[in-house]
Protein backbone atom coordinates (compact mmCIF):
# COMPACT_ATOMS: atom_id res chain seq x y z
CA MET A 1 22.64 59.22 72.57
CA ILE A 2 23.90 59.67 76.54
CA ILE A 3 27.51 61.52 76.05
CA PRO A 4 29.01 61.04 79.69
CA LYS A 5 30.06 63.94 82.36
CA GLY A 6 33.32 65.35 81.58
CA PHE A 7 35.30 67.21 78.90
CA ILE A 8 34.67 67.11 75.56
CA PRO A 9 36.85 68.99 73.65
CA VAL A 10 36.57 71.59 70.99
CA MET A 11 39.01 70.13 68.64
CA LEU A 12 41.64 71.92 66.70
CA THR A 13 42.76 70.85 63.03
CA PRO A 14 46.01 70.50 62.24
CA PHE A 15 47.61 71.45 58.91
CA THR A 16 50.55 70.68 57.10
CA PRO A 17 53.13 73.41 56.04
CA ASP A 18 51.25 73.71 52.85
CA MET A 19 47.99 74.18 54.54
CA ALA A 20 46.29 71.07 53.73
CA VAL A 21 44.48 69.53 56.51
CA ASP A 22 47.03 66.92 58.32
CA VAL A 23 45.47 63.64 58.51
CA PRO A 24 47.86 61.64 60.42
CA CYS A 25 48.66 64.68 63.08
CA LEU A 26 44.90 64.72 63.42
CA ARG A 27 44.83 61.03 64.37
CA GLN A 28 47.19 61.48 66.78
CA LEU A 29 45.36 64.68 68.52
CA THR A 30 42.24 62.25 68.73
CA GLU A 31 44.30 59.69 70.72
CA PHE A 32 46.04 62.83 73.03
CA TYR A 33 42.26 63.88 73.78
CA LEU A 34 41.46 60.88 74.59
CA GLU A 35 44.68 59.71 76.70
CA GLN A 36 44.25 63.05 78.43
CA GLY A 37 41.04 61.30 79.86
CA ALA A 38 38.34 63.40 77.13
CA VAL A 39 35.02 61.56 77.58
CA GLY A 40 33.62 62.61 73.69
CA LEU A 41 34.93 64.75 71.31
CA PHE A 42 33.70 67.88 69.29
CA ALA A 43 34.85 67.85 65.57
CA ASN A 44 34.15 70.63 62.88
CA CYS A 45 33.08 73.13 65.12
CA LEU A 46 34.65 76.75 65.60
CA SER A 47 37.76 75.71 67.35
CA SER A 48 38.01 73.21 63.86
CA GLU A 49 38.76 76.40 61.45
CA MET A 50 35.18 74.64 60.32
CA TYR A 51 34.26 78.13 58.39
CA GLU A 52 37.62 78.02 56.37
CA LEU A 53 37.30 74.46 55.40
CA SER A 54 35.33 73.30 52.19
CA SER A 55 32.47 70.81 52.95
CA GLU A 56 35.15 67.89 51.27
CA GLU A 57 37.52 69.27 54.08
CA ARG A 58 35.15 68.93 56.94
CA LEU A 59 33.71 65.52 55.74
CA LEU A 60 37.28 64.48 55.72
CA VAL A 61 38.31 65.41 59.29
CA ILE A 62 34.74 64.11 60.51
CA ASP A 63 35.62 60.83 59.52
CA THR A 64 38.91 60.60 60.52
CA VAL A 65 38.05 61.32 64.14
CA VAL A 66 35.55 58.82 63.96
CA LYS A 67 37.37 56.06 62.26
CA GLN A 68 40.16 56.77 65.15
CA VAL A 69 37.75 56.64 68.30
CA ALA A 70 36.46 53.27 66.97
CA GLY A 71 33.89 53.84 69.21
CA ARG A 72 35.77 54.12 72.36
CA VAL A 73 33.37 57.50 73.54
CA PRO A 74 30.91 59.66 71.72
CA VAL A 75 31.82 62.05 68.37
CA VAL A 76 29.73 65.15 67.72
CA ALA A 77 30.25 67.33 64.50
CA THR A 78 28.89 70.60 63.18
CA GLY A 79 26.27 69.52 60.37
CA THR A 80 24.87 73.24 59.54
CA LEU A 81 27.13 75.82 57.95
CA GLY A 82 24.67 77.96 55.94
CA GLY A 83 22.62 77.87 52.80
CA PRO A 84 19.31 76.53 51.87
CA ILE A 85 17.51 74.34 54.73
CA GLU A 86 17.56 71.41 52.35
CA ASP A 87 21.15 71.88 51.32
CA MET A 88 21.78 71.95 55.21
CA ALA A 89 20.29 68.81 55.70
CA THR A 90 21.48 67.22 52.89
CA PHE A 91 25.49 67.82 54.57
CA SER A 92 24.06 67.08 57.85
CA LYS A 93 23.10 63.51 56.64
CA GLN A 94 26.37 63.13 55.33
CA VAL A 95 28.30 63.83 58.20
CA TYR A 96 25.80 61.31 60.30
CA ALA A 97 26.36 58.88 57.56
CA LEU A 98 30.29 59.02 58.95
CA GLY A 99 29.14 57.26 62.36
CA VAL A 100 28.85 60.76 64.55
CA ASP A 101 27.01 60.29 67.62
CA ALA A 102 24.98 63.57 67.28
CA VAL A 103 24.71 66.61 64.85
CA ILE A 104 25.50 69.86 65.70
CA ILE A 105 23.45 72.82 64.60
CA LEU A 106 24.18 76.16 64.53
CA ASN A 107 21.34 78.34 65.05
CA ASN A 108 22.59 81.23 63.62
CA GLN A 109 22.79 79.63 60.17
CA PHE A 110 19.14 79.34 60.42
CA VAL A 111 18.33 83.08 60.69
CA SER A 112 19.52 86.78 60.62
CA GLU A 113 20.17 88.24 63.80
CA ALA A 114 16.54 90.41 63.48
CA GLU A 115 14.25 87.56 62.60
CA SER A 116 12.56 86.04 65.22
CA ASP A 117 12.63 82.90 67.56
CA ALA A 118 8.85 81.96 65.80
CA THR A 119 10.78 81.70 62.28
CA PHE A 120 13.96 80.05 64.01
CA LEU A 121 11.91 77.36 64.70
CA GLY A 122 10.49 77.01 61.69
CA ARG A 123 13.13 76.46 59.66
CA VAL A 124 14.59 74.19 62.29
CA HIS A 125 11.14 72.13 61.88
CA ALA A 126 11.97 71.82 58.55
CA TRP A 127 15.62 70.75 58.83
CA LEU A 128 13.95 68.07 61.44
CA ASP A 129 11.52 66.64 59.07
CA LEU A 130 14.65 66.45 56.77
CA THR A 131 16.65 64.51 58.61
CA PRO A 132 14.38 61.97 60.38
CA GLY A 133 16.04 59.74 63.33
CA ILE A 134 19.17 62.04 63.56
CA PRO A 135 20.11 62.74 67.17
CA PHE A 136 21.08 66.27 67.32
CA GLY A 137 22.51 69.33 69.45
CA MET A 138 23.05 72.81 69.43
CA TYR A 139 25.37 75.22 69.48
CA GLU A 140 25.75 79.03 70.14
CA CYS A 141 28.46 79.67 68.21
CA PRO A 142 29.64 83.48 68.65
CA VAL A 143 30.57 83.30 64.59
CA PRO A 144 29.64 85.02 62.61
CA TYR A 145 27.02 85.76 65.58
CA LYS A 146 25.99 84.96 68.96
CA ARG A 147 22.40 83.95 68.99
CA LEU A 148 21.26 82.57 72.27
CA ILE A 149 18.74 79.90 72.98
CA SER A 150 15.68 81.33 74.93
CA LEU A 151 13.92 78.54 77.28
CA PRO A 152 10.92 78.22 74.92
CA VAL A 153 12.65 77.29 71.75
CA LEU A 154 15.06 74.70 74.01
CA GLU A 155 11.67 73.62 75.11
CA ASP A 156 10.31 73.07 72.21
CA LEU A 157 13.11 71.06 70.78
CA LEU A 158 13.66 68.94 73.69
CA ALA A 159 10.09 67.65 72.91
CA THR A 160 11.30 65.93 69.57
CA GLY A 161 12.91 63.52 71.76
CA ARG A 162 16.01 63.92 69.34
CA LEU A 163 17.76 67.02 70.97
CA CYS A 164 20.68 65.54 73.40
CA TYR A 165 23.75 67.93 73.34
CA HIS A 166 23.68 71.72 73.77
CA LYS A 167 27.25 73.69 73.92
CA ASP A 168 26.07 76.72 76.16
CA THR A 169 28.19 80.04 75.37
CA SER A 170 25.89 82.37 76.62
CA LEU A 171 28.38 83.42 79.60
CA SER A 172 25.57 83.21 82.47
CA LEU A 173 25.25 80.51 85.49
CA ALA A 174 21.49 81.74 85.49
CA ALA A 175 21.02 80.91 81.77
CA VAL A 176 23.07 77.78 82.23
CA GLU A 177 20.85 76.83 85.14
CA ALA A 178 17.46 77.66 83.63
CA LYS A 179 18.92 75.14 80.56
CA ILE A 180 19.82 72.56 83.13
CA ASP A 181 16.07 72.63 84.88
CA ALA A 182 14.25 72.37 81.48
CA GLY A 183 16.56 69.52 80.24
CA ARG A 184 15.74 67.36 83.59
CA GLY A 185 13.77 64.26 82.18
CA HIS A 186 15.17 64.48 78.57
CA VAL A 187 18.18 62.49 77.48
CA PHE A 188 20.26 65.90 77.30
CA GLY A 189 23.31 67.68 78.86
CA VAL A 190 24.68 71.39 78.83
CA TYR A 191 28.15 71.53 78.26
CA ASP A 192 29.56 74.64 79.48
CA ALA A 193 32.09 77.07 77.49
CA TYR A 194 32.98 79.48 79.97
CA ILE A 195 35.76 78.53 82.31
CA GLU A 196 34.86 81.41 84.91
CA HIS A 197 31.96 79.78 86.59
CA ALA A 198 32.67 76.16 85.26
CA VAL A 199 32.67 75.03 89.03
CA ALA A 200 29.40 76.09 89.91
CA SER A 201 28.14 75.11 86.34
CA LEU A 202 28.87 71.58 87.38
CA GLN A 203 27.53 71.74 90.72
CA ALA A 204 24.53 73.26 89.40
CA GLY A 205 24.09 69.92 86.92
CA SER A 206 25.97 70.43 83.47
CA MET A 207 27.29 67.52 81.79
CA GLY A 208 30.25 69.10 81.78
CA LEU A 209 32.85 71.52 79.75
CA SER A 210 33.18 72.46 75.88
CA CYS A 211 35.90 75.01 76.58
CA ILE A 212 38.91 76.58 74.61
CA GLN A 213 41.61 76.07 77.88
CA GLY A 214 41.51 72.58 76.83
CA ASN A 215 43.21 72.76 74.08
CA TYR A 216 45.82 74.02 76.13
CA PHE A 217 45.79 72.14 79.07
CA PRO A 218 43.13 69.03 78.72
CA ASP A 219 44.20 67.38 81.72
CA LEU A 220 43.25 70.57 83.69
CA ILE A 221 40.04 70.54 82.68
CA VAL A 222 39.51 66.61 82.87
CA GLU A 223 40.01 67.05 86.27
CA LEU A 224 38.03 70.17 87.20
CA CYS A 225 35.14 67.94 85.88
CA HIS A 226 36.15 65.29 88.11
CA ALA A 227 37.67 66.68 91.09
CA PRO A 228 35.82 69.14 92.43
CA GLU A 229 38.43 69.70 95.13
CA GLN A 230 40.59 71.07 92.90
CA GLY A 231 38.49 72.68 90.75
CA GLN A 232 38.24 75.85 92.23
CA ARG A 233 42.55 76.42 92.07
CA ILE A 234 42.43 75.14 88.20
CA GLN A 235 39.22 77.63 87.54
CA GLU A 236 41.11 80.73 89.03
CA PHE A 237 44.52 79.98 87.17
CA MET A 238 42.28 80.01 83.58
CA CYS A 239 40.54 82.87 84.54
CA LYS A 240 43.93 84.63 85.06
CA HIS A 241 45.10 83.81 82.05
CA MET A 242 41.65 83.92 80.21
CA GLU A 243 43.21 86.79 78.17
CA LEU A 244 45.97 85.20 76.81
CA MET A 245 44.55 82.21 76.24
CA HIS A 246 42.08 83.75 73.48
CA THR A 247 45.04 85.94 71.97
CA ALA A 248 45.85 84.90 68.31
CA TYR A 249 43.49 81.45 69.15
CA PRO A 250 44.13 78.81 67.98
CA THR A 251 47.41 79.12 67.08
CA SER A 252 48.95 80.09 70.68
CA ALA A 253 46.92 76.52 71.78
CA LYS A 254 49.04 74.62 68.88
CA TYR A 255 52.08 76.47 70.16
CA VAL A 256 51.42 75.58 73.55
CA LEU A 257 51.04 71.28 72.81
CA ALA A 258 54.13 71.80 70.62
CA SER A 259 55.83 73.22 73.71
CA MET A 260 54.69 70.21 75.49
CA GLY A 261 56.21 67.83 72.84
CA PHE A 262 52.96 67.32 71.20
CA PRO A 263 54.06 67.25 67.24
CA ILE A 264 51.82 69.93 65.98
CA GLY A 265 52.44 72.38 63.67
CA LEU A 266 51.06 76.71 64.00
CA GLU A 267 49.89 76.35 60.38
CA THR A 268 46.36 78.13 61.09
CA ARG A 269 43.96 79.35 58.38
CA ARG A 270 41.92 81.63 60.46
CA GLU A 271 42.93 85.12 60.73
CA VAL A 272 44.11 85.73 64.07
CA GLY A 273 46.86 87.93 63.80
CA GLU A 274 50.41 87.18 64.56
CA LEU A 275 52.37 84.64 67.20
CA THR A 276 54.69 87.78 68.24
CA ALA A 277 57.56 86.87 69.99
CA GLU A 278 56.06 88.63 73.22
CA ILE A 279 52.74 86.53 72.97
CA ARG A 280 55.09 83.37 72.83
CA SER A 281 57.07 84.61 75.79
CA ALA A 282 53.83 84.97 78.15
CA LEU A 283 52.71 81.24 75.92
CA ASP A 284 56.22 79.97 77.37
CA LYS A 285 55.44 81.75 81.32
CA LEU A 286 51.41 80.36 81.26
CA ASN A 287 52.99 77.17 80.25
CA ALA A 288 55.61 76.97 83.27
CA GLU A 289 53.41 78.30 85.89
CA ARG A 290 51.08 75.50 85.07
CA LYS A 291 53.69 72.99 85.79
CA ASN A 292 53.83 74.31 88.98
CA LEU A 293 50.21 74.48 89.72
CA PHE A 294 50.17 71.34 91.83
């Protein structure tokens, strides 16, 4: 699988007032990302509130996105959310059967913090044996704990010929550059989650960005990926407001989208704190500043 260079949103999940997955809104949201210029979609991720969804809801979300996209761009989705390797492999195969282009594995679901890379690789290879032929990606998900991918681990898994996508959350440009170098000659792309060095990451050869800021202003992240002359200014704007964008997220992102006219509710299952009047006012100012950015 080859994923194009550009912005791959870490998709939000909209909910109805009674906290069910809002499928019609999810279809609209999928179209919205595509209209803004996304080159692929990452469904059932942390921003999607994957840990707060049931297995049935995760499959519903992924199926809805895949059917709405209808092959226009690649779709990747998380397929390992804890439990025995056999159970994760079974769920991964269910995810792949829905038509995703790659199944994403969470490296923090295979081992505890104290366990070694050797143990991690042993379990991932067991998962690979149980999921023959399925392209996969890796996501250094920060919840329940962040486990970074070392170069020896990356090189081992690249050698399988099945690893095609990596969402990096190392916050280290040097680490991103090393992973890019390791992946040369493979059908593989690094997508950076850290906006602070986004321009440098793209210049170094990353395939694109998968950052939460794209759930506030996806058009700006698309432009950052494809128009280097504007990239530094966009990056500075995002960094200036990074703390605010992480506050009460993803409710805060839903608030900004709703303020811009997108029909999404603020319902969120994650415990992220109250979207206070003070936070709303700050987000309103953020939105106004964005409108005057160019």
